[in-house]
Amino acid sequence: MKTKLQKARDFENKYLKHLNPADQPRFHVTGGVGWINDPNGFSVYKGEYHLFFQYYPYDTKWGTMHWGHVKTNDFVHWERLPCALAPDEYPDKDGCFSGSATELPDGRQLLMYTGNRNTRRKNGSVVSTQTQCLAVGDGIDYVKYEHNPVLDAKDLPEGGSPIDFRDPKLWFEDGKFWAVVGNRAADKSGSILLFESENGFEWRFASVLASCHNQFGKMWECPDFFELEGKHVLLTSPQDMTSMGLEFHPGNSTLCIIGRYDREKLHLMRDNTQTVDYGTDFYAMQTLKAKDGRRIMIAWMQSWETSGCKVQKLPFFGQMSLPRELTIRDGKLIQNPVREIESFRKTKVSYKGVMITDETNLQGVSGRFIDMTVTVRPGNSRQMYRYFKLNVAKDGERVTTIRHKPENNTIRVDRSRSGFPHDIVNVRDFPITAKDELKLRIIMDRYSLELFVNDGEQAASFVIYTPVTADSITFSADGAAIIDVEKYDIEV
């Protein structure tokens, strides 16, 4: 009888070889076929960068989760590898949920993931039990640990929920393995638990690293914890957030906590909190430490709120963000596209000091596979423009608009005419720091727009479904603005 894993691999072998490149992004990861969501196991293994992901190969909607698998050497070209995990054992029979990976001292790769198991109660309701499981492999094939699960309800602190206990992020530091795991605490809101292990296989509870206290949502998913430039950073994805001005949007959101790590109490003390990405499509961030020391982050470039909106008959649904380099500036998380993308920039077009009032096209400034930076300054020394607009993915019917409004120091991205025929979230406003000039960097692929403001102070990610023939770019202002433009095509 064929195993679930072999069935998934056979399905991939049958369908992936026939993919039409015109259906796929050029440099963003998809499953090729089927559904993907959270990135998993983003790590270095034997000198290469591996990425796994939540994956249901058989349909473009969420199903019983497997782990898909790709690897790269440059964060731009991704090689597809066979499906790595399937839900085929008792602890994970209803899904191999999110997790992470690291390299063991003996050269094997260790995967740590959440096993999900559903049980039907007498009243007909279904309750999930989530435990932490392991698998070990060679970068292609993985064997699940015979003593799974390695963490379950008995390992939780008092009041911890075995129903919401998921998404371990694993690393090795100071002679030990560590893992942070999301959990719902006794106060019914999210917390991040820290576990430790001498060998990677036998685990024990260490501390509550950080708690929500019902301040940022009701459950903290997909945690990541790391040191960056002398600070410690906790990334997590809250569920059921309440909006907080323009900083945090409601629903499924993103949260970065920057602070100081008390190594004796194993507790993170907050210095600053912020949204990670201000767009409509960004969730479940995960990072790795690159071979050259950079901290690189990737995320699911989609949202649960809009995941039911499928406007084209594509063989896949869901994609990953372009990987980003993380730094800290003035106590804030800064993110910019990985520098490797610059090696694929072609056909430079640049303009300096162009006065913009009415809607304006610039010769050579168009395209849908682009890396473009626009620097904006006031065109009138006595009066600031009332707004500046940048229109991309534009034709006679469709357009995606980026607007800067100096009066309240906000950016608005509006994708209402970007290929979505459904009433979903299409407009996002977010705050920026007031400066003498504004710098907007836009990276576009077939189905996406990623915006980086003022050298990475803010980032905002958006899925768009406009046909690639909608490739016009225009500029306009209410008042007068002076712009510099540097635009490249991306050829991968």
Foldseek 3Di string as FASTA:
>chain_A
DDAPQNVQQVLCVVPQVPQDVLLDWQFWDFLSFEEWFWKAAQEAAPRWTKIWTFGDRPHQDDAATFIWIWIDNQLGDIHGAGTEGHLGDQQAVRHFAHEHWDAFPVRKIKTKTKRWHWDADPVGDIAIFIAIWMWIGNRHYIDTDPPPPQGGDVQDDPQWDRRQWTHWYWDDDPQWIKIWIWIQGNLQAIWIWMWIDNRSRHIHTDAGAGTCSPPAARTWHQWDWDDAPNKIKIKTWHAQGDDDPQFFHGGTFIKIFIAHADPVRRYGDGDDMTGAAQAQFWHNKDWYQHPVGWIKIKGWRHDPQCSVFDQDPRSYGTIMDRIWTWHDDPNAIFTDHPPSLVVQWDDKDKDFWDKFAAKDFDPPQWFFQKKKKKKKAAPDPVDRFQKKKKWWLADPQAIWIWMAGLVQQKIKIARVRQRTPDPTDGIGIHHDDDDRMKMWIWGGIQFWIWIAIPNGRHIHIDGGNRGRVSITMIMHTRHMMTMMMIMTGGDD
